[in-house]
């Protein structure tokens, strides 16, 4: 059994391979079965399968805001 990493909206991640624009850093903009990321340099948006995303992430640069549970 493998543990998946905790991913939040707004997380900034560094990928293993450079994007053609020269940037390594991406921000998470969509969560689900697919993870949506946006390049911080050129703004290109990409959808990756969760397993592929976790394999390509090299480091977590900064965390997005944690969403509190709805208590009302």
N, C-alpha and C. Protein backbone atom coordinates (compact mmCIF):
# COMPACT_ATOMS: atom_id res chain seq x y z
N UNK A 1 0.85 -1.19 0.00
CA UNK A 1 0.00 0.00 0.00
C UNK A 1 0.89 1.25 0.00
N UNK A 2 0.59 2.18 -0.90
CA UNK A 2 1.38 3.40 -0.98
C UNK A 2 0.60 4.58 -0.38
N UNK A 3 1.34 5.47 0.23
CA UNK A 3 0.73 6.67 0.80
C UNK A 3 0.83 7.80 -0.22
N UNK A 4 -0.29 8.44 -0.51
CA UNK A 4 -0.24 9.57 -1.43
C UNK A 4 0.07 10.83 -0.63
N UNK A 5 0.74 11.76 -1.28
CA UNK A 5 1.11 12.99 -0.60
C UNK A 5 -0.11 13.88 -0.42
N UNK A 6 -0.10 14.69 0.64
CA UNK A 6 -1.19 15.63 0.87
C UNK A 6 -0.95 16.85 0.00
N UNK A 7 -1.91 17.11 -0.89
CA UNK A 7 -1.79 18.22 -1.83
C UNK A 7 -2.93 19.18 -1.54
N UNK A 8 -2.63 20.47 -1.51
CA UNK A 8 -3.65 21.50 -1.27
C UNK A 8 -3.67 22.47 -2.44
N UNK A 9 -4.81 23.11 -2.64
CA UNK A 9 -4.88 24.19 -3.62
C UNK A 9 -3.92 25.29 -3.20
N UNK A 10 -3.18 25.83 -4.12
CA UNK A 10 -2.25 26.91 -3.82
C UNK A 10 -0.85 26.44 -3.47
N UNK A 11 -0.64 25.12 -3.33
CA UNK A 11 0.71 24.61 -3.09
C UNK A 11 1.60 24.95 -4.28
N UNK A 12 2.83 25.33 -4.00
CA UNK A 12 3.82 25.56 -5.05
C UNK A 12 4.79 24.39 -4.99
N UNK A 13 4.95 23.70 -6.12
CA UNK A 13 5.82 22.53 -6.18
C UNK A 13 6.93 22.73 -7.21
N UNK A 14 8.05 22.06 -6.99
CA UNK A 14 9.16 22.06 -7.95
C UNK A 14 9.17 20.68 -8.60
N UNK A 15 9.08 20.65 -9.94
CA UNK A 15 9.09 19.39 -10.66
C UNK A 15 10.52 18.99 -11.02
N UNK A 16 10.71 17.70 -11.33
CA UNK A 16 12.04 17.18 -11.64
C UNK A 16 12.58 17.72 -12.96
N UNK A 17 11.69 17.88 -13.94
CA UNK A 17 12.14 18.34 -15.26
C UNK A 17 11.70 19.79 -15.50
N UNK A 18 12.53 20.53 -16.22
CA UNK A 18 12.25 21.93 -16.52
C UNK A 18 11.17 22.04 -17.59
N UNK A 19 10.29 23.02 -17.44
CA UNK A 19 9.30 23.34 -18.46
C UNK A 19 10.03 24.04 -19.61
N UNK A 20 9.56 23.92 -20.85
CA UNK A 20 10.23 24.59 -21.98
C UNK A 20 10.49 26.09 -21.77
N UNK A 21 9.70 26.75 -20.94
CA UNK A 21 9.91 28.19 -20.70
C UNK A 21 11.09 28.44 -19.75
N UNK A 22 11.59 27.37 -19.10
CA UNK A 22 12.74 27.51 -18.22
C UNK A 22 12.43 27.42 -16.74
N UNK A 23 11.16 27.30 -16.38
CA UNK A 23 10.76 27.26 -14.98
C UNK A 23 10.62 25.82 -14.48
N UNK A 24 10.87 25.63 -13.19
CA UNK A 24 10.66 24.35 -12.54
C UNK A 24 9.45 24.40 -11.60
N UNK A 25 8.95 25.61 -11.29
CA UNK A 25 7.94 25.76 -10.25
C UNK A 25 6.54 25.95 -10.80
N UNK A 26 5.59 25.25 -10.16
CA UNK A 26 4.19 25.22 -10.57
C UNK A 26 3.31 25.40 -9.34
N UNK A 27 2.12 25.96 -9.54
CA UNK A 27 1.14 26.11 -8.46
C UNK A 27 -0.04 25.18 -8.75
N UNK A 28 -0.55 24.52 -7.70
CA UNK A 28 -1.68 23.60 -7.83
C UNK A 28 -2.97 24.42 -7.91
N UNK A 29 -3.75 24.22 -9.00
CA UNK A 29 -4.98 24.99 -9.20
C UNK A 29 -6.22 24.11 -9.25
N UNK A 30 -6.06 22.77 -9.25
CA UNK A 30 -7.21 21.87 -9.29
C UNK A 30 -6.84 20.56 -8.61
N UNK A 31 -7.78 20.05 -7.80
CA UNK A 31 -7.58 18.77 -7.13
C UNK A 31 -8.66 17.79 -7.54
N UNK A 32 -8.33 16.53 -7.52
CA UNK A 32 -9.26 15.47 -7.86
C UNK A 32 -8.47 14.26 -8.32
N UNK A 33 -9.06 13.44 -9.19
CA UNK A 33 -8.33 12.31 -9.76
C UNK A 33 -7.16 12.84 -10.59
N UNK A 34 -7.38 13.97 -11.25
CA UNK A 34 -6.31 14.66 -11.97
C UNK A 34 -5.92 15.89 -11.16
N UNK A 35 -4.65 16.26 -11.24
CA UNK A 35 -4.16 17.45 -10.55
C UNK A 35 -3.89 18.51 -11.60
N UNK A 36 -4.49 19.68 -11.43
CA UNK A 36 -4.25 20.80 -12.34
C UNK A 36 -3.14 21.67 -11.79
N UNK A 37 -2.15 21.98 -12.62
CA UNK A 37 -1.05 22.85 -12.20
C UNK A 37 -0.85 23.96 -13.22
N UNK A 38 -0.34 25.12 -12.75
CA UNK A 38 -0.09 26.26 -13.63
C UNK A 38 1.36 26.69 -13.44
N UNK A 39 2.07 26.85 -14.55
CA UNK A 39 3.47 27.27 -14.52
C UNK A 39 3.56 28.70 -13.97
N UNK A 40 4.46 28.91 -13.04
CA UNK A 40 4.60 30.24 -12.44
C UNK A 40 5.31 31.23 -13.35
N UNK A 41 5.98 30.74 -14.38
CA UNK A 41 6.69 31.62 -15.30
C UNK A 41 5.81 32.07 -16.47
N UNK A 42 5.24 31.11 -17.19
CA UNK A 42 4.52 31.44 -18.42
C UNK A 42 2.99 31.32 -18.29
N UNK A 43 2.51 30.69 -17.21
CA UNK A 43 1.06 30.59 -16.99
C UNK A 43 0.40 29.41 -17.66
N UNK A 44 1.15 28.54 -18.32
CA UNK A 44 0.59 27.36 -18.98
C UNK A 44 -0.07 26.46 -17.94
N UNK A 45 -1.29 25.97 -18.26
CA UNK A 45 -2.00 25.05 -17.36
C UNK A 45 -1.92 23.64 -17.91
N UNK A 46 -1.70 22.67 -17.02
CA UNK A 46 -1.57 21.27 -17.39
C UNK A 46 -2.36 20.42 -16.40
N UNK A 47 -3.01 19.37 -16.90
CA UNK A 47 -3.67 18.38 -16.05
C UNK A 47 -2.83 17.11 -16.05
N UNK A 48 -2.50 16.62 -14.87
CA UNK A 48 -1.74 15.38 -14.74
C UNK A 48 -2.51 14.40 -13.87
N UNK A 49 -2.42 13.13 -14.21
CA UNK A 49 -2.97 12.09 -13.36
C UNK A 49 -2.27 12.20 -12.00
N UNK A 50 -2.99 11.95 -10.91
CA UNK A 50 -2.43 12.09 -9.56
C UNK A 50 -1.13 11.28 -9.39
N UNK A 51 -1.11 10.05 -9.88
CA UNK A 51 0.07 9.20 -9.75
C UNK A 51 1.25 9.79 -10.51
N UNK A 52 1.01 10.29 -11.71
CA UNK A 52 2.07 10.92 -12.52
C UNK A 52 2.57 12.18 -11.83
N UNK A 53 1.66 12.99 -11.31
CA UNK A 53 2.03 14.22 -10.60
C UNK A 53 2.96 13.91 -9.42
N UNK A 54 2.57 12.93 -8.59
CA UNK A 54 3.37 12.60 -7.41
C UNK A 54 4.75 12.08 -7.80
N UNK A 55 4.84 11.39 -8.92
CA UNK A 55 6.13 10.87 -9.39
C UNK A 55 7.03 12.00 -9.89
N UNK A 56 6.44 13.05 -10.46
CA UNK A 56 7.23 14.15 -11.05
C UNK A 56 7.64 15.22 -10.06
N UNK A 57 6.98 15.29 -8.90
CA UNK A 57 7.29 16.32 -7.92
C UNK A 57 8.64 16.03 -7.26
N UNK A 58 9.50 17.03 -7.25
CA UNK A 58 10.81 16.91 -6.61
C UNK A 58 10.76 17.48 -5.20
N UNK A 59 10.09 18.62 -5.03
CA UNK A 59 10.04 19.27 -3.73
C UNK A 59 8.80 20.14 -3.60
N UNK A 60 8.38 20.33 -2.37
CA UNK A 60 7.28 21.24 -2.06
C UNK A 60 7.90 22.57 -1.66
N UNK A 61 7.63 23.63 -2.44
CA UNK A 61 8.26 24.93 -2.20
C UNK A 61 7.50 25.69 -1.11
N UNK A 62 6.17 25.76 -1.23
CA UNK A 62 5.36 26.41 -0.21
C UNK A 62 3.97 25.79 -0.18
N UNK A 63 3.32 25.88 0.96
CA UNK A 63 2.00 25.29 1.15
C UNK A 63 0.91 26.32 0.89
N UNK A 64 -0.20 25.83 0.34
CA UNK A 64 -1.37 26.66 0.17
C UNK A 64 -2.11 26.74 1.50
N UNK A 65 -3.11 27.56 1.57
CA UNK A 65 -3.90 27.71 2.79
C UNK A 65 -4.68 26.43 3.06
N UNK A 66 -4.73 26.04 4.32
CA UNK A 66 -5.50 24.85 4.70
C UNK A 66 -6.96 25.24 4.84
N UNK A 67 -7.81 24.43 4.21
CA UNK A 67 -9.24 24.71 4.24
C UNK A 67 -9.81 24.06 5.49
N UNK A 68 -10.44 24.88 6.36
CA UNK A 68 -11.06 24.36 7.59
C UNK A 68 -12.36 23.66 7.23
N UNK A 69 -12.71 22.67 8.04
CA UNK A 69 -13.98 21.98 7.85
C UNK A 69 -15.13 22.94 8.10
N UNK A 70 -16.19 22.74 7.32
CA UNK A 70 -17.39 23.58 7.50
C UNK A 70 -18.08 23.13 8.79
N UNK A 71 -18.24 24.03 9.77
CA UNK A 71 -18.79 23.67 11.07
C UNK A 71 -20.21 24.20 11.27
N UNK A 72 -20.80 24.74 10.24
CA UNK A 72 -22.14 25.30 10.39
C UNK A 72 -23.18 24.35 9.88
